[in-house]
Amino acid sequence: MNARQLQDRLRSSSPPLLLHVLPEEIFTAQRIPGSQNACVYETAFLHNVARLAPLKDQDIVVYGAGTGSLDSQTAADVLIKEGYTRVEGFPGGLSEWKASGFPLEGDGKLPVMAPLDGAYEINVQESVVRWTGRNLFNHHNGTVGFASGEIVLKNGEIASADCLIDMNSIVCEDLTEAEWNVMLIQHLRSPDFFDVENHPTARLEFANAQPLLGASEGTPNYVIQCSLTIRGIPHPQQILAVVACADGNRITGQAQFEVDRTDFGSRYGSGRFFQFLGKHLVNDHIHLHVKLHADRLIS
């Protein structure tokens, strides 16, 4: 179905239910006249459609953004699977309708990213590093928090970032037996691993951050050259990160990567330095999932 055919259908004596399947804020900004809204990205999509189309044999036309977006196809597939028998898609969506010169309703205020340049302070209550340590037969996981940090953006790109990690905040989440949990945390804080008494903070400092051109939303959009310092020993890292900003006042970033603990002097249970470890072997690599929230500093 193209835009002209849809216009003819809408002008007929028995027009279909026209479903705009994008989020409410897009529906408010621009829609084909006569549309109803049921966002296909919501878990309540079918519930919302049922309120608008209680009869499964009702004529329905679904549309979304247009070329390059699977919203209308997905909505049609879901409705047909649910038992709706007269569903059609308008794949050209808003872009084709507008390009054909047909009018749109709405206030025209599509979401616009606010200017991002400036300094952002790490929210230490909401930011976290999730860690997983393993050997061949077992693993443990937990979190460690941030002590402080700041991210600076210039020309919409990351110019610098410097964060301190509070190693005294390390916890294990999988060991439910209190005694074993305490023993593990003491072990991790000891010189066997992170020597927290002498090195209470770790440091993550960006040296260079390059945007990845063409990255789609939800996939890594920056490649970051950084320095991670643990036990006072800096070591370079290259990580892929997803960085986004919802409203111009908060930056959120996340990255998952592996670090070799032996690069930082943690050799306990490492097969590179000890023999006949058996069940006492501990993998050299630790998996880290860094999640940062940083709020704009008001000057």
Protein backbone atom coordinates (compact mmCIF):
# COMPACT_ATOMS: atom_id res chain seq x y z
CA MET A 1 0.00 0.00 0.00
CA ASN A 2 1.36 3.43 -0.94
CA ALA A 3 0.38 6.88 0.33
CA ARG A 4 -2.13 7.55 -2.45
CA GLN A 5 -3.86 4.22 -1.88
CA LEU A 6 -4.03 4.88 1.84
CA GLN A 7 -5.53 8.32 1.27
CA ASP A 8 -8.22 6.74 -0.94
CA ARG A 9 -8.97 4.16 1.75
CA LEU A 10 -9.29 6.85 4.40
CA ARG A 11 -11.67 8.87 2.21
CA SER A 12 -13.91 5.85 1.51
CA SER A 13 -17.32 5.29 3.08
CA SER A 14 -15.84 2.62 5.39
CA PRO A 15 -12.33 3.75 6.35
CA PRO A 16 -10.06 1.39 8.31
CA LEU A 17 -8.85 1.97 11.84
CA LEU A 18 -5.55 3.76 11.26
CA LEU A 19 -2.99 2.84 13.90
CA HIS A 20 0.08 4.97 14.54
CA VAL A 21 2.42 2.46 16.27
CA LEU A 22 5.22 4.77 17.46
CA PRO A 23 5.58 6.20 21.01
CA GLU A 24 3.05 8.73 22.30
CA GLU A 25 5.45 11.68 22.02
CA ILE A 26 5.88 10.99 18.29
CA PHE A 27 2.12 10.61 17.86
CA THR A 28 1.62 13.97 19.56
CA ALA A 29 4.21 15.58 17.27
CA GLN A 30 3.10 14.18 13.92
CA ARG A 31 0.48 11.74 12.70
CA ILE A 32 -1.70 11.07 9.71
CA PRO A 33 -5.11 12.70 10.27
CA GLY A 34 -7.60 10.37 11.89
CA SER A 35 -4.97 8.12 13.51
CA GLN A 36 -5.19 6.34 16.83
CA ASN A 37 -2.10 5.50 18.85
CA ALA A 38 -0.90 2.12 20.13
CA CYS A 39 2.87 1.89 20.51
CA VAL A 40 4.24 -1.42 19.27
CA TYR A 41 7.30 -1.03 21.52
CA GLU A 42 5.18 -1.32 24.67
CA THR A 43 4.34 -4.62 26.34
CA ALA A 44 0.73 -3.37 26.55
CA PHE A 45 0.50 -3.06 22.74
CA LEU A 46 -2.12 -5.79 22.27
CA HIS A 47 -4.12 -4.58 25.27
CA ASN A 48 -4.19 -1.07 23.83
CA VAL A 49 -5.20 -2.30 20.38
CA ALA A 50 -8.01 -4.38 21.91
CA ARG A 51 -9.52 -1.19 23.35
CA LEU A 52 -9.47 0.44 19.91
CA ALA A 53 -10.43 -2.65 17.90
CA PRO A 54 -12.46 -5.08 20.01
CA LEU A 55 -13.52 -7.06 16.91
CA LYS A 56 -10.86 -9.26 15.32
CA ASP A 57 -12.33 -8.80 11.82
CA GLN A 58 -12.09 -5.00 11.85
CA ASP A 59 -10.15 -3.34 9.03
CA ILE A 60 -6.84 -2.05 10.43
CA VAL A 61 -3.96 -0.23 8.76
CA VAL A 62 -0.75 0.17 10.76
CA TYR A 63 2.07 2.61 10.10
CA GLY A 64 5.17 3.99 11.74
CA ALA A 65 8.30 5.94 10.81
CA GLY A 66 8.77 4.57 7.29
CA THR A 67 11.69 3.17 5.34
CA GLY A 68 14.39 1.63 7.52
CA SER A 69 12.17 0.97 10.53
CA LEU A 70 10.40 -2.36 11.14
CA ASP A 71 7.65 -0.86 13.35
CA SER A 72 4.67 -1.31 11.01
CA GLN A 73 5.77 -4.76 9.84
CA THR A 74 6.24 -5.89 13.43
CA ALA A 75 2.86 -4.48 14.47
CA ALA A 76 1.09 -6.22 11.58
CA ASP A 77 2.79 -9.54 12.35
CA VAL A 78 1.83 -9.33 16.04
CA LEU A 79 -1.79 -8.49 15.28
CA ILE A 80 -2.16 -11.26 12.71
CA LYS A 81 -0.67 -13.77 15.14
CA GLU A 82 -3.17 -12.55 17.74
CA GLY A 83 -6.04 -13.40 15.39
CA TYR A 84 -6.82 -10.11 13.66
CA THR A 85 -7.83 -11.10 10.15
CA ARG A 86 -7.90 -7.82 8.21
CA VAL A 87 -4.61 -6.09 8.94
CA GLU A 88 -2.54 -4.19 6.39
CA GLY A 89 0.69 -2.29 6.73
CA PHE A 90 1.63 1.07 5.28
CA PRO A 91 5.43 0.56 5.22
CA GLY A 92 6.16 4.03 3.83
CA GLY A 93 4.83 5.49 7.05
CA LEU A 94 5.25 9.09 8.07
CA SER A 95 8.16 9.72 5.71
CA GLU A 96 6.28 8.66 2.56
CA TRP A 97 3.07 10.40 3.61
CA LYS A 98 4.92 13.66 4.14
CA ALA A 99 6.98 13.29 0.94
CA SER A 100 3.74 12.81 -1.02
CA GLY A 101 2.58 16.24 0.11
CA PHE A 102 -0.27 15.01 2.29
CA PRO A 103 -0.96 16.89 5.54
CA LEU A 104 0.05 15.77 9.00
CA GLU A 105 -1.57 16.54 12.33
CA GLY A 106 0.31 17.30 15.54
CA ASP A 107 2.31 20.05 17.16
CA GLY A 108 5.44 19.25 15.12
CA LYS A 109 7.64 19.13 18.23
CA LEU A 110 9.68 16.02 17.61
CA PRO A 111 12.21 15.16 20.33
CA VAL A 112 15.42 17.12 19.79
CA MET A 113 18.69 16.35 21.54
CA ALA A 114 19.76 19.27 23.68
CA PRO A 115 23.35 20.59 23.38
CA LEU A 116 25.60 18.27 25.35
CA ASP A 117 28.77 20.32 25.75
CA GLY A 118 29.92 20.89 29.30
CA ALA A 119 31.00 19.06 32.44
CA TYR A 120 29.02 16.20 34.00
CA GLU A 121 29.56 14.81 37.50
CA ILE A 122 29.34 11.06 38.09
CA ASN A 123 26.31 10.14 40.19
CA VAL A 124 28.02 7.80 42.65
CA GLN A 125 24.74 6.51 44.08
CA GLU A 126 23.51 5.24 40.71
CA SER A 127 26.74 4.33 38.92
CA VAL A 128 28.32 0.92 39.41
CA VAL A 129 30.88 -1.57 38.17
CA ARG A 130 29.61 -5.15 38.02
CA TRP A 131 32.34 -7.77 38.16
CA THR A 132 32.54 -11.49 37.51
CA GLY A 133 35.53 -13.62 38.48
CA ARG A 134 35.82 -17.25 37.39
CA ASN A 135 37.69 -20.47 37.35
CA LEU A 136 36.90 -23.51 35.25
CA PHE A 137 34.35 -24.89 37.71
CA ASN A 138 32.89 -21.87 39.49
CA HIS A 139 32.37 -18.11 39.39
CA HIS A 140 31.47 -15.24 41.69
CA ASN A 141 29.93 -11.90 40.86
CA GLY A 142 29.18 -8.63 42.58
CA THR A 143 29.60 -4.87 42.41
CA VAL A 144 31.96 -2.08 43.33
CA GLY A 145 30.94 1.57 43.50
CA PHE A 146 32.38 4.88 42.42
CA ALA A 147 33.97 7.44 44.72
CA SER A 148 33.87 10.38 42.29
CA GLY A 149 34.26 11.30 38.65
CA GLU A 150 33.68 13.80 35.89
CA ILE A 151 33.02 13.63 32.15
CA VAL A 152 33.62 16.61 29.85
CA LEU A 153 32.01 16.94 26.41
CA LYS A 154 33.11 19.32 23.66
CA ASN A 155 31.40 19.67 20.29
CA GLY A 156 29.02 16.90 21.30
CA GLU A 157 31.83 14.36 21.82
CA ILE A 158 33.63 13.00 24.88
CA ALA A 159 36.70 15.15 25.50
CA SER A 160 37.80 13.61 28.80
CA ALA A 161 36.64 11.44 31.67
CA ASP A 162 38.27 10.64 34.98
CA CYS A 163 36.63 8.38 37.57
CA LEU A 164 37.72 7.00 40.94
CA ILE A 165 36.39 3.60 42.00
CA ASP A 166 35.89 2.91 45.72
CA MET A 167 37.52 -0.48 46.24
CA ASN A 168 36.28 -0.64 49.85
CA SER A 169 32.73 -0.85 48.47
CA ILE A 170 33.30 -4.22 46.78
CA VAL A 171 30.55 -6.76 47.50
CA CYS A 172 29.72 -10.28 46.34
CA GLU A 173 26.13 -10.92 45.33
CA ASP A 174 26.03 -14.68 44.69
CA LEU A 175 27.32 -16.09 47.99
CA THR A 176 24.30 -16.24 50.32
CA GLU A 177 26.12 -17.90 53.22
CA ALA A 178 27.25 -14.92 55.31
CA GLU A 179 30.47 -16.50 56.60
CA TRP A 180 31.66 -17.51 53.13
CA ASN A 181 30.68 -14.10 51.76
CA VAL A 182 32.76 -12.29 54.39
CA MET A 183 35.71 -14.60 53.74
CA LEU A 184 35.61 -13.92 50.01
CA ILE A 185 35.42 -10.14 50.44
CA GLN A 186 38.36 -10.23 52.86
CA HIS A 187 40.25 -12.32 50.32
CA LEU A 188 39.48 -9.85 47.50
CA ARG A 189 40.59 -6.91 49.67
CA SER A 190 43.86 -8.63 50.57
CA PRO A 191 47.16 -8.34 48.64
CA ASP A 192 46.20 -11.61 46.91
CA PHE A 193 43.85 -9.57 44.74
CA PHE A 194 43.30 -5.81 45.14
CA ASP A 195 45.34 -4.83 48.25
CA VAL A 196 42.63 -2.39 49.28
CA GLU A 197 44.32 -1.25 52.48
CA ASN A 198 47.18 0.24 50.47
CA HIS A 199 45.15 1.08 47.35
CA PRO A 200 41.62 2.08 48.42
CA THR A 201 40.71 3.46 44.99
CA ALA A 202 41.09 2.38 41.40
CA ARG A 203 41.06 4.88 38.56
CA LEU A 204 39.51 4.87 35.08
CA GLU A 205 40.80 7.71 32.93
CA PHE A 206 39.94 8.29 29.27
CA ALA A 207 42.83 9.17 26.97
CA ASN A 208 40.81 9.28 23.74
CA ALA A 209 37.21 8.62 22.74
CA GLN A 210 36.26 8.31 19.09
CA PRO A 211 32.65 8.05 17.93
CA LEU A 212 31.81 5.02 15.78
CA LEU A 213 30.13 6.40 12.67
CA GLY A 214 26.95 4.62 11.61
CA ALA A 215 26.36 2.90 14.95
CA SER A 216 22.70 2.14 15.55
CA GLU A 217 21.03 2.93 18.87
CA GLY A 218 21.76 0.32 21.52
CA THR A 219 25.08 -0.79 19.99
CA PRO A 220 28.54 0.56 20.91
CA ASN A 221 28.91 4.08 19.51
CA TYR A 222 32.32 4.95 20.95
CA VAL A 223 35.70 3.26 20.96
CA ILE A 224 37.58 4.48 24.02
CA GLN A 225 41.29 4.37 24.74
CA CYS A 226 41.66 4.59 28.49
CA SER A 227 43.91 3.82 31.41
CA LEU A 228 42.73 1.60 34.24
CA THR A 229 44.76 1.84 37.45
CA ILE A 230 44.43 -0.91 40.07
CA ARG A 231 46.81 -1.39 43.00
CA GLY A 232 48.58 1.76 41.83
CA ILE A 233 49.50 0.15 38.49
CA PRO A 234 48.12 1.81 35.34
CA HIS A 235 47.43 -0.30 32.28
CA PRO A 236 45.96 0.75 28.92
CA GLN A 237 42.58 -0.59 27.84
CA GLN A 238 40.54 -0.28 24.67
CA ILE A 239 36.80 -0.60 25.23
CA LEU A 240 33.64 -0.27 23.18
CA ALA A 241 30.97 1.78 24.93
CA VAL A 242 27.36 2.83 24.47
CA VAL A 243 26.94 6.50 25.41
CA ALA A 244 23.60 8.30 25.26
CA CYS A 245 21.81 11.34 26.64
CA ALA A 246 18.06 11.41 27.19
CA ASP A 247 17.41 15.04 28.05
CA GLY A 248 20.63 17.01 27.82
CA ASN A 249 21.15 16.99 31.58
CA ARG A 250 22.31 13.41 32.14
CA ILE A 251 24.75 11.23 30.25
CA THR A 252 24.52 7.47 30.59
CA GLY A 253 27.25 5.14 29.42
CA GLN A 254 27.93 1.46 29.65
CA ALA A 255 30.73 -0.84 28.57
CA GLN A 256 31.60 -4.49 29.03
CA PHE A 257 35.17 -5.69 28.81
CA GLU A 258 37.73 -8.10 30.24
CA VAL A 259 40.82 -7.13 32.21
CA ASP A 260 43.79 -9.32 33.07
CA ARG A 261 44.26 -8.98 36.83
CA THR A 262 47.88 -10.12 36.58
CA ASP A 263 48.65 -6.88 34.69
CA PHE A 264 47.98 -5.17 38.03
CA GLY A 265 50.05 -7.48 40.20
CA SER A 266 47.25 -9.85 41.28
CA ARG A 267 48.83 -13.26 40.76
CA TYR A 268 46.96 -15.40 43.30
CA GLY A 269 45.90 -18.72 41.72
CA SER A 270 47.17 -17.75 38.28
CA GLY A 271 48.32 -20.60 36.06
CA ARG A 272 50.90 -18.24 34.53
CA PHE A 273 52.80 -18.04 37.82
CA PHE A 274 51.97 -21.24 39.78
CA GLN A 275 51.90 -24.94 39.00
CA PHE A 276 49.73 -27.80 40.32
CA LEU A 277 46.92 -25.40 41.30
CA GLY A 278 44.14 -27.92 40.65
CA LYS A 279 40.85 -26.64 42.08
CA HIS A 280 42.65 -23.54 43.38
CA LEU A 281 43.15 -22.15 39.87
CA VAL A 282 41.62 -18.68 39.37
CA ASN A 283 41.18 -17.25 35.87
CA ASP A 284 43.42 -14.32 35.05
CA HIS A 285 40.62 -12.42 33.33
CA ILE A 286 37.88 -10.58 35.20
CA HIS A 287 34.73 -9.46 33.38
CA LEU A 288 33.66 -5.87 34.08
CA HIS A 289 30.37 -4.19 33.21
CA VAL A 290 30.65 -0.46 33.84
CA LYS A 291 27.44 1.58 34.08
CA LEU A 292 27.84 5.35 34.51
CA HIS A 293 25.28 8.07 35.11
CA ALA A 294 26.63 11.61 35.04
CA ASP A 295 24.61 14.78 35.70
CA ARG A 296 25.36 18.17 34.19
CA LEU A 297 27.25 20.55 36.43
CA ILE A 298 25.52 23.94 36.57
CA SER A 299 28.09 26.73 36.33
